């Protein structure tokens, strides 16, 4: 993986931002490489869409795109690919004839269960040399960073969709 160049004139906040960006890219790459080695060959985008569908079954593509912080066009492309693989299906929206509701198929639910084990292995590897206190501190720091930007994340609740 390419090392992120940090200059001495970067502020600490800028350095943290660059490191977080680099970490996100590293997680994405490691996830895709690990899934290929495991024979799953699932992209990070596909995993994100499928994960969203487990928590928000019956959502429209636009809702999932807002939740996943991607464009509607990008999400639509991912959902159509999942559909062609038999992992997702769509039904007409009950109120809006121009929208479709998406859900995982039985095969999709089985696939995401297996894929989650692979993804979790990447996250476990990421913090493999942390002790329990360091892991708890990191969780606290990341929650505080999110809260400082107006976001809240509770691991016991599915990530919320934006209001309709």
N, C-alpha and C. Protein backbone atom coordinates (compact mmCIF):
# COMPACT_ATOMS: atom_id res chain seq x y z
N UNK A 1 0.83 -1.17 0.00
CA UNK A 1 0.00 0.00 0.00
C UNK A 1 0.88 1.24 0.00
N UNK A 2 0.39 2.25 -0.64
CA UNK A 2 1.15 3.48 -0.75
C UNK A 2 1.11 4.24 0.58
N UNK A 3 2.28 4.69 1.00
CA UNK A 3 2.37 5.43 2.25
C UNK A 3 1.92 6.87 2.03
N UNK A 4 1.13 7.38 2.98
CA UNK A 4 0.67 8.76 2.91
C UNK A 4 1.80 9.66 3.39
N UNK A 5 2.14 10.62 2.57
CA UNK A 5 3.20 11.56 2.93
C UNK A 5 2.63 12.65 3.84
N UNK A 6 3.22 12.76 5.02
CA UNK A 6 2.82 13.79 5.96
C UNK A 6 3.96 14.80 6.08
N UNK A 7 3.61 16.04 5.91
CA UNK A 7 4.62 17.10 5.99
C UNK A 7 4.65 17.68 7.40
N UNK A 8 5.78 18.26 7.74
CA UNK A 8 5.94 18.88 9.05
C UNK A 8 5.02 20.08 9.23
N UNK A 9 4.63 20.73 8.11
CA UNK A 9 3.80 21.93 8.24
C UNK A 9 2.31 21.61 8.33
N UNK A 10 1.94 20.33 8.35
CA UNK A 10 0.53 19.98 8.55
C UNK A 10 0.17 20.20 10.01
N UNK A 11 -1.02 20.72 10.23
CA UNK A 11 -1.50 20.83 11.60
C UNK A 11 -1.83 19.42 12.11
N UNK A 12 -1.97 19.28 13.40
CA UNK A 12 -2.33 17.97 13.96
C UNK A 12 -3.70 17.53 13.43
N UNK A 13 -4.63 18.47 13.35
CA UNK A 13 -5.96 18.13 12.83
C UNK A 13 -5.87 17.66 11.37
N UNK A 14 -5.06 18.35 10.58
CA UNK A 14 -4.88 17.98 9.17
C UNK A 14 -4.22 16.60 9.07
N UNK A 15 -3.23 16.35 9.91
CA UNK A 15 -2.56 15.05 9.93
C UNK A 15 -3.55 13.93 10.26
N UNK A 16 -4.40 14.16 11.27
CA UNK A 16 -5.42 13.17 11.64
C UNK A 16 -6.37 12.94 10.46
N UNK A 17 -6.79 14.02 9.82
CA UNK A 17 -7.67 13.89 8.66
C UNK A 17 -7.05 13.06 7.55
N UNK A 18 -5.78 13.33 7.26
CA UNK A 18 -5.08 12.57 6.22
C UNK A 18 -4.93 11.10 6.62
N UNK A 19 -4.63 10.85 7.88
CA UNK A 19 -4.50 9.47 8.34
C UNK A 19 -5.84 8.73 8.28
N UNK A 20 -6.93 9.41 8.64
CA UNK A 20 -8.25 8.78 8.55
C UNK A 20 -8.61 8.47 7.10
N UNK A 21 -8.31 9.39 6.21
CA UNK A 21 -8.58 9.16 4.79
C UNK A 21 -7.77 7.96 4.29
N UNK A 22 -6.50 7.93 4.66
CA UNK A 22 -5.65 6.81 4.26
C UNK A 22 -6.13 5.49 4.85
N UNK A 23 -6.57 5.54 6.11
CA UNK A 23 -7.10 4.33 6.75
C UNK A 23 -8.33 3.83 6.00
N UNK A 24 -9.22 4.74 5.62
CA UNK A 24 -10.41 4.35 4.86
C UNK A 24 -10.04 3.66 3.56
N UNK A 25 -9.06 4.21 2.86
CA UNK A 25 -8.62 3.60 1.60
C UNK A 25 -7.98 2.24 1.85
N UNK A 26 -7.20 2.13 2.93
CA UNK A 26 -6.55 0.87 3.27
C UNK A 26 -7.57 -0.21 3.64
N UNK A 27 -8.59 0.18 4.40
CA UNK A 27 -9.65 -0.77 4.77
C UNK A 27 -10.36 -1.26 3.52
N UNK A 28 -10.68 -0.35 2.63
CA UNK A 28 -11.36 -0.73 1.38
C UNK A 28 -10.51 -1.72 0.58
N UNK A 29 -9.23 -1.40 0.42
CA UNK A 29 -8.35 -2.26 -0.36
C UNK A 29 -8.17 -3.62 0.32
N UNK A 30 -7.93 -3.63 1.63
CA UNK A 30 -7.74 -4.88 2.36
C UNK A 30 -9.00 -5.74 2.32
N UNK A 31 -10.16 -5.09 2.40
CA UNK A 31 -11.43 -5.80 2.33
C UNK A 31 -11.58 -6.52 1.00
N UNK A 32 -11.30 -5.80 -0.08
CA UNK A 32 -11.45 -6.39 -1.40
C UNK A 32 -10.42 -7.49 -1.63
N UNK A 33 -9.17 -7.28 -1.21
CA UNK A 33 -8.14 -8.31 -1.38
C UNK A 33 -8.47 -9.55 -0.56
N UNK A 34 -8.94 -9.36 0.67
CA UNK A 34 -9.28 -10.49 1.54
C UNK A 34 -10.46 -11.26 0.99
N UNK A 35 -11.45 -10.55 0.46
CA UNK A 35 -12.62 -11.24 -0.09
C UNK A 35 -12.25 -12.05 -1.33
N UNK A 36 -11.34 -11.53 -2.14
CA UNK A 36 -10.88 -12.27 -3.33
C UNK A 36 -10.15 -13.54 -2.90
N UNK A 37 -9.26 -13.42 -1.92
CA UNK A 37 -8.51 -14.59 -1.42
C UNK A 37 -9.46 -15.64 -0.85
N UNK A 38 -10.57 -15.20 -0.26
CA UNK A 38 -11.53 -16.13 0.33
C UNK A 38 -12.52 -16.67 -0.70
N UNK A 39 -12.38 -16.23 -1.95
CA UNK A 39 -13.27 -16.72 -3.00
C UNK A 39 -14.62 -16.02 -3.06
N UNK A 40 -14.78 -14.93 -2.32
CA UNK A 40 -16.05 -14.21 -2.31
C UNK A 40 -16.11 -13.16 -3.42
N UNK A 41 -15.00 -12.50 -3.65
CA UNK A 41 -14.91 -11.47 -4.68
C UNK A 41 -16.03 -10.43 -4.58
N UNK A 42 -16.18 -9.87 -3.39
CA UNK A 42 -17.18 -8.83 -3.17
C UNK A 42 -16.46 -7.49 -3.04
N UNK A 43 -16.95 -6.50 -3.75
CA UNK A 43 -16.34 -5.18 -3.64
C UNK A 43 -16.82 -4.50 -2.36
N UNK A 44 -16.06 -3.52 -1.94
CA UNK A 44 -16.44 -2.77 -0.73
C UNK A 44 -17.80 -2.08 -0.95
N UNK A 45 -18.03 -1.60 -2.16
CA UNK A 45 -19.31 -0.95 -2.49
C UNK A 45 -20.47 -1.94 -2.39
N UNK A 46 -20.24 -3.16 -2.88
CA UNK A 46 -21.29 -4.17 -2.79
C UNK A 46 -21.56 -4.54 -1.33
N UNK A 47 -20.49 -4.69 -0.55
CA UNK A 47 -20.67 -5.01 0.85
C UNK A 47 -21.46 -3.90 1.55
N UNK A 48 -21.11 -2.66 1.28
CA UNK A 48 -21.81 -1.54 1.90
C UNK A 48 -23.29 -1.55 1.55
N UNK A 49 -23.61 -1.78 0.28
CA UNK A 49 -25.02 -1.83 -0.14
C UNK A 49 -25.74 -2.99 0.53
N UNK A 50 -25.11 -4.15 0.57
CA UNK A 50 -25.75 -5.31 1.18
C UNK A 50 -25.92 -5.11 2.69
N UNK A 51 -24.92 -4.52 3.33
CA UNK A 51 -25.02 -4.23 4.76
C UNK A 51 -26.19 -3.27 5.00
N UNK A 52 -26.30 -2.25 4.15
CA UNK A 52 -27.42 -1.31 4.26
C UNK A 52 -28.76 -2.00 4.10
N UNK A 53 -28.83 -2.95 3.19
CA UNK A 53 -30.08 -3.68 2.97
C UNK A 53 -30.44 -4.60 4.14
N UNK A 54 -29.44 -5.08 4.88
CA UNK A 54 -29.77 -5.90 6.05
C UNK A 54 -30.44 -5.06 7.13
N UNK A 55 -30.01 -3.83 7.26
CA UNK A 55 -30.58 -2.94 8.28
C UNK A 55 -31.81 -2.20 7.78
N UNK A 56 -31.91 -2.01 6.46
CA UNK A 56 -32.97 -1.18 5.89
C UNK A 56 -33.63 -1.86 4.70
N UNK A 57 -34.08 -3.08 4.91
CA UNK A 57 -34.71 -3.81 3.81
C UNK A 57 -35.95 -3.05 3.33
N UNK A 58 -36.15 -3.04 2.04
CA UNK A 58 -37.29 -2.34 1.46
C UNK A 58 -37.01 -0.88 1.16
N UNK A 59 -35.77 -0.45 1.33
CA UNK A 59 -35.41 0.95 1.04
C UNK A 59 -35.28 1.16 -0.46
N UNK A 60 -35.43 2.40 -0.86
CA UNK A 60 -35.19 2.74 -2.26
C UNK A 60 -33.69 2.88 -2.48
N UNK A 61 -33.29 2.84 -3.74
CA UNK A 61 -31.88 3.04 -4.06
C UNK A 61 -31.39 4.40 -3.61
N UNK A 62 -32.24 5.42 -3.76
CA UNK A 62 -31.85 6.77 -3.34
C UNK A 62 -31.64 6.85 -1.83
N UNK A 63 -32.50 6.18 -1.06
CA UNK A 63 -32.33 6.17 0.40
C UNK A 63 -31.04 5.47 0.79
N UNK A 64 -30.76 4.35 0.15
CA UNK A 64 -29.53 3.63 0.44
C UNK A 64 -28.30 4.45 0.04
N UNK A 65 -28.42 5.19 -1.06
CA UNK A 65 -27.31 6.04 -1.49
C UNK A 65 -27.04 7.13 -0.46
N UNK A 66 -28.07 7.77 0.06
CA UNK A 66 -27.88 8.79 1.09
C UNK A 66 -27.26 8.17 2.34
N UNK A 67 -27.74 7.01 2.74
CA UNK A 67 -27.21 6.32 3.91
C UNK A 67 -25.73 5.96 3.70
N UNK A 68 -25.40 5.48 2.51
CA UNK A 68 -24.03 5.07 2.21
C UNK A 68 -23.11 6.19 1.78
N UNK A 69 -23.67 7.41 1.69
CA UNK A 69 -22.88 8.59 1.31
C UNK A 69 -22.25 8.44 -0.08
N UNK A 70 -23.06 7.93 -1.02
CA UNK A 70 -22.63 7.81 -2.42
C UNK A 70 -23.73 8.39 -3.30
N UNK A 71 -23.43 8.57 -4.56
CA UNK A 71 -24.44 9.10 -5.47
C UNK A 71 -25.50 8.04 -5.75
N UNK A 72 -26.69 8.50 -6.09
CA UNK A 72 -27.78 7.58 -6.44
C UNK A 72 -27.39 6.72 -7.64
N UNK A 73 -26.66 7.31 -8.58
CA UNK A 73 -26.23 6.56 -9.76
C UNK A 73 -25.28 5.43 -9.38
N UNK A 74 -24.35 5.72 -8.49
CA UNK A 74 -23.41 4.69 -8.04
C UNK A 74 -24.14 3.57 -7.31
N UNK A 75 -25.05 3.92 -6.42
CA UNK A 75 -25.79 2.90 -5.69
C UNK A 75 -26.64 2.08 -6.64
N UNK A 76 -27.27 2.74 -7.60
CA UNK A 76 -28.10 2.02 -8.56
C UNK A 76 -27.27 0.99 -9.33
N UNK A 77 -26.09 1.38 -9.73
CA UNK A 77 -25.19 0.46 -10.45
C UNK A 77 -24.86 -0.76 -9.58
N UNK A 78 -24.54 -0.52 -8.32
CA UNK A 78 -24.21 -1.61 -7.40
C UNK A 78 -25.43 -2.51 -7.19
N UNK A 79 -26.60 -1.90 -6.97
CA UNK A 79 -27.81 -2.69 -6.74
C UNK A 79 -28.16 -3.54 -7.95
N UNK A 80 -28.02 -2.99 -9.14
CA UNK A 80 -28.31 -3.76 -10.36
C UNK A 80 -27.35 -4.93 -10.52
N UNK A 81 -26.09 -4.71 -10.14
CA UNK A 81 -25.12 -5.81 -10.22
C UNK A 81 -25.49 -6.89 -9.21
N UNK A 82 -25.87 -6.49 -8.00
CA UNK A 82 -26.30 -7.46 -7.00
C UNK A 82 -27.53 -8.23 -7.48
N UNK A 83 -28.42 -7.52 -8.14
CA UNK A 83 -29.62 -8.16 -8.69
C UNK A 83 -29.23 -9.19 -9.76
N UNK A 84 -28.31 -8.83 -10.64
CA UNK A 84 -27.90 -9.75 -11.70
C UNK A 84 -27.20 -10.99 -11.13
N UNK A 85 -26.62 -10.86 -9.94
CA UNK A 85 -25.96 -11.98 -9.28
C UNK A 85 -26.94 -12.79 -8.42
N UNK A 86 -28.20 -12.35 -8.37
CA UNK A 86 -29.20 -13.05 -7.57
C UNK A 86 -29.11 -12.78 -6.09
N UNK A 87 -28.43 -11.69 -5.72
CA UNK A 87 -28.23 -11.37 -4.31
C UNK A 87 -29.21 -10.32 -3.79
N UNK A 88 -29.82 -9.56 -4.68
CA UNK A 88 -30.78 -8.53 -4.30
C UNK A 88 -31.96 -8.57 -5.28
N UNK A 89 -33.07 -8.08 -4.81
CA UNK A 89 -34.25 -8.01 -5.68
C UNK A 89 -35.00 -6.72 -5.40
N UNK A 90 -35.79 -6.32 -6.39
CA UNK A 90 -36.55 -5.08 -6.23
C UNK A 90 -38.03 -5.35 -6.45
N UNK A 91 -38.82 -4.54 -5.77
CA UNK A 91 -40.27 -4.58 -5.91
C UNK A 91 -40.76 -3.15 -6.09
N UNK A 92 -41.92 -2.99 -6.70
CA UNK A 92 -42.44 -1.63 -6.86
C UNK A 92 -42.66 -0.96 -5.50
N UNK A 93 -42.38 0.33 -5.45
CA UNK A 93 -42.61 1.10 -4.23
C UNK A 93 -44.11 1.22 -4.03
N UNK A 94 -44.63 1.03 -2.82
CA UNK A 94 -46.09 1.07 -2.61
C UNK A 94 -46.73 2.45 -2.83
N UNK A 95 -45.94 3.53 -2.72
CA UNK A 95 -46.52 4.87 -2.84
C UNK A 95 -46.00 5.66 -4.04
N UNK A 96 -44.82 5.31 -4.52
CA UNK A 96 -44.21 6.08 -5.60
C UNK A 96 -43.91 5.15 -6.77
N UNK A 97 -44.66 5.31 -7.84
CA UNK A 97 -44.52 4.41 -8.99
C UNK A 97 -43.16 4.54 -9.67
N UNK A 98 -42.45 5.63 -9.44
CA UNK A 98 -41.14 5.82 -10.06
C UNK A 98 -40.00 5.22 -9.24
N UNK A 99 -40.30 4.75 -8.06
CA UNK A 99 -39.27 4.18 -7.18
C UNK A 99 -39.46 2.68 -7.02
N UNK A 100 -38.38 2.04 -6.62
CA UNK A 100 -38.41 0.61 -6.34
C UNK A 100 -37.83 0.38 -4.96
N UNK A 101 -38.33 -0.63 -4.30
CA UNK A 101 -37.82 -1.02 -2.98
C UNK A 101 -36.89 -2.22 -3.15
N UNK A 102 -35.77 -2.18 -2.49
CA UNK A 102 -34.75 -3.21 -2.63
C UNK A 102 -34.65 -4.04 -1.36
N UNK A 103 -34.36 -5.32 -1.54
CA UNK A 103 -34.11 -6.21 -0.41
C UNK A 103 -33.14 -7.30 -0.86
N UNK A 104 -32.56 -7.97 0.11
CA UNK A 104 -31.67 -9.08 -0.21
C UNK A 104 -32.50 -10.33 -0.46
N UNK A 105 -32.04 -11.15 -1.36
CA UNK A 105 -32.67 -12.46 -1.57
C UNK A 105 -32.17 -13.39 -0.47
N UNK A 106 -32.70 -14.61 -0.44
CA UNK A 106 -32.22 -15.61 0.50
C UNK A 106 -30.72 -15.83 0.30
N UNK A 107 -30.31 -15.92 -0.97
CA UNK A 107 -28.89 -16.09 -1.29
C UNK A 107 -28.09 -14.87 -0.84
N UNK A 108 -28.66 -13.68 -1.00
CA UNK A 108 -28.00 -12.45 -0.57
C UNK A 108 -27.77 -12.42 0.93
N UNK A 109 -28.77 -12.87 1.69
CA UNK A 109 -28.62 -12.92 3.15
C UNK A 109 -27.54 -13.91 3.56
N UNK A 110 -27.46 -15.05 2.88
CA UNK A 110 -26.41 -16.03 3.17
C UNK A 110 -25.04 -15.45 2.80
N UNK A 111 -24.99 -14.77 1.67
CA UNK A 111 -23.74 -14.20 1.18
C UNK A 111 -23.22 -13.12 2.13
N UNK A 112 -24.10 -12.24 2.59
CA UNK A 112 -23.67 -11.14 3.46
C UNK A 112 -23.20 -11.69 4.81
N UNK A 113 -23.79 -12.78 5.26
CA UNK A 113 -23.34 -13.41 6.51
C UNK A 113 -21.90 -13.90 6.36
N UNK A 114 -21.61 -14.56 5.25
CA UNK A 114 -20.23 -15.03 5.00
C UNK A 114 -19.29 -13.85 4.78
N UNK A 115 -19.74 -12.85 4.04
CA UNK A 115 -18.90 -11.69 3.75
C UNK A 115 -18.57 -10.92 5.02
N UNK A 116 -19.50 -10.87 5.96
CA UNK A 116 -19.28 -10.14 7.20
C UNK A 116 -18.15 -10.78 8.01
N UNK A 117 -18.04 -12.08 7.96
CA UNK A 117 -16.93 -12.75 8.65
C UNK A 117 -15.60 -12.30 8.05
N UNK A 118 -15.57 -12.18 6.73
CA UNK A 118 -14.35 -11.74 6.04
C UNK A 118 -14.03 -10.29 6.39
N UNK A 119 -15.05 -9.44 6.35
CA UNK A 119 -14.85 -8.02 6.64
C UNK A 119 -14.41 -7.85 8.09
N UNK A 120 -15.03 -8.59 9.00
CA UNK A 120 -14.64 -8.50 10.40
C UNK A 120 -13.19 -8.91 10.61
N UNK A 121 -12.70 -9.85 9.80
CA UNK A 121 -11.30 -10.26 9.93
C UNK A 121 -10.37 -9.11 9.56
N UNK A 122 -10.78 -8.29 8.61
CA UNK A 122 -9.97 -7.12 8.24
C UNK A 122 -9.94 -6.12 9.40
N UNK A 123 -11.09 -5.86 9.99
CA UNK A 123 -11.14 -4.92 11.11
C UNK A 123 -10.35 -5.46 12.31
N UNK A 124 -10.43 -6.77 12.54
CA UNK A 124 -9.66 -7.37 13.64
C UNK A 124 -8.16 -7.25 13.38
N UNK A 125 -7.76 -7.47 12.14
CA UNK A 125 -6.34 -7.34 11.78
C UNK A 125 -5.87 -5.89 11.97
N UNK A 126 -6.77 -4.94 11.68
CA UNK A 126 -6.44 -3.52 11.78
C UNK A 126 -6.03 -3.15 13.21
N UNK A 127 -6.67 -3.76 14.19
CA UNK A 127 -6.39 -3.41 15.59
C UNK A 127 -5.69 -4.55 16.33
N UNK A 128 -5.07 -5.45 15.59
CA UNK A 128 -4.50 -6.67 16.18
C UNK A 128 -3.41 -6.40 17.22
N UNK A 129 -2.71 -5.30 17.14
CA UNK A 129 -1.67 -5.04 18.15
C UNK A 129 -2.13 -4.03 19.21
N UNK A 130 -3.43 -3.79 19.29
CA UNK A 130 -3.97 -2.92 20.33
C UNK A 130 -4.36 -3.79 21.53
N UNK A 131 -4.14 -3.26 22.73
CA UNK A 131 -4.68 -3.96 23.90
C UNK A 131 -6.13 -3.47 24.11
N UNK A 132 -6.80 -4.06 25.07
CA UNK A 132 -8.22 -3.75 25.29
C UNK A 132 -8.44 -2.27 25.60
N UNK A 133 -7.57 -1.69 26.42
CA UNK A 133 -7.70 -0.28 26.79
C UNK A 133 -7.52 0.62 25.56
N UNK A 134 -6.53 0.31 24.73
CA UNK A 134 -6.31 1.10 23.52
C UNK A 134 -7.51 1.00 22.57
N UNK A 135 -8.07 -0.19 22.46
CA UNK A 135 -9.25 -0.38 21.60
C UNK A 135 -10.42 0.44 22.14
N UNK A 136 -10.66 0.38 23.44
CA UNK A 136 -11.74 1.17 24.04
C UNK A 136 -11.50 2.66 23.84
N UNK A 137 -10.26 3.10 24.00
CA UNK A 137 -9.93 4.51 23.79
C UNK A 137 -10.19 4.92 22.34
N UNK A 138 -9.76 4.08 21.40
CA UNK A 138 -9.98 4.40 19.99
C UNK A 138 -11.47 4.54 19.69
N UNK A 139 -12.26 3.62 20.20
CA UNK A 139 -13.72 3.70 20.01
C UNK A 139 -14.25 5.01 20.56
N UNK A 140 -13.80 5.37 21.76
CA UNK A 140 -14.24 6.62 22.38
C UNK A 140 -13.80 7.82 21.55
N UNK A 141 -12.57 7.84 21.09
CA UNK A 141 -12.06 8.96 20.29
C UNK A 141 -12.84 9.11 18.99
N UNK A 142 -13.10 7.99 18.33
CA UNK A 142 -13.82 8.06 17.05
C UNK A 142 -15.27 8.51 17.26
N UNK A 143 -15.90 8.05 18.34
CA UNK A 143 -17.27 8.51 18.64
C UNK A 143 -17.27 10.01 18.91
N UNK A 144 -16.28 10.48 19.65
CA UNK A 144 -16.20 11.91 19.94
C UNK A 144 -15.96 12.72 18.67
N UNK A 145 -15.11 12.23 17.79
CA UNK A 145 -14.89 12.92 16.51
C UNK A 145 -16.20 13.01 15.74
N UNK A 146 -16.93 11.90 15.68
CA UNK A 146 -18.22 11.89 14.97
C UNK A 146 -19.20 12.86 15.62
N UNK A 147 -19.26 12.83 16.94
CA UNK A 147 -20.18 13.73 17.66
C UNK A 147 -19.81 15.19 17.42
N UNK A 148 -18.51 15.49 17.36
CA UNK A 148 -18.08 16.87 17.12
C UNK A 148 -18.52 17.36 15.74
N UNK A 149 -18.74 16.43 14.83
CA UNK A 149 -19.22 16.78 13.49
C UNK A 149 -20.74 16.62 13.36
N UNK A 150 -21.41 16.34 14.48
CA UNK A 150 -22.87 16.27 14.48
C UNK A 150 -23.43 14.90 14.19
N UNK A 151 -22.61 13.87 14.14
CA UNK A 151 -23.09 12.51 13.86
C UNK A 151 -23.05 11.69 15.13
N UNK A 152 -23.95 10.73 15.21
CA UNK A 152 -23.91 9.77 16.32
C UNK A 152 -23.97 8.38 15.74
N UNK A 153 -23.21 7.49 16.33
CA UNK A 153 -23.21 6.09 15.91
C UNK A 153 -23.28 5.24 17.16
N UNK A 154 -24.29 4.37 17.20
CA UNK A 154 -24.45 3.44 18.31
C UNK A 154 -24.37 2.04 17.72
N UNK A 155 -23.39 1.25 18.17
CA UNK A 155 -23.20 -0.06 17.58
C UNK A 155 -24.36 -1.01 17.82
N UNK A 156 -25.26 -0.68 18.72
CA UNK A 156 -26.38 -1.56 19.01
C UNK A 156 -27.59 -1.27 18.13
N UNK A 157 -27.54 -0.22 17.37
CA UNK A 157 -28.65 0.16 16.50
C UNK A 157 -28.19 0.16 15.05
N UNK A 158 -29.08 -0.23 14.12
CA UNK A 158 -28.68 -0.10 12.70
C UNK A 158 -28.48 1.37 12.36
N UNK A 159 -27.59 1.62 11.45
CA UNK A 159 -27.36 3.00 11.03
C UNK A 159 -28.64 3.56 10.44
N UNK A 160 -29.02 4.77 10.83
CA UNK A 160 -30.30 5.32 10.38
C UNK A 160 -30.24 5.79 8.92
N UNK A 161 -31.39 5.70 8.29
CA UNK A 161 -31.54 6.30 6.98
C UNK A 161 -31.89 7.76 7.17
N UNK A 162 -31.53 8.61 6.23
CA UNK A 162 -31.97 10.00 6.31
C UNK A 162 -33.50 10.06 6.25
N UNK A 163 -34.11 11.09 6.83
CA UNK A 163 -35.57 11.19 6.79
C UNK A 163 -36.08 11.27 5.35
N UNK A 164 -37.25 10.68 5.14
CA UNK A 164 -37.86 10.70 3.80
C UNK A 164 -38.53 12.02 3.53
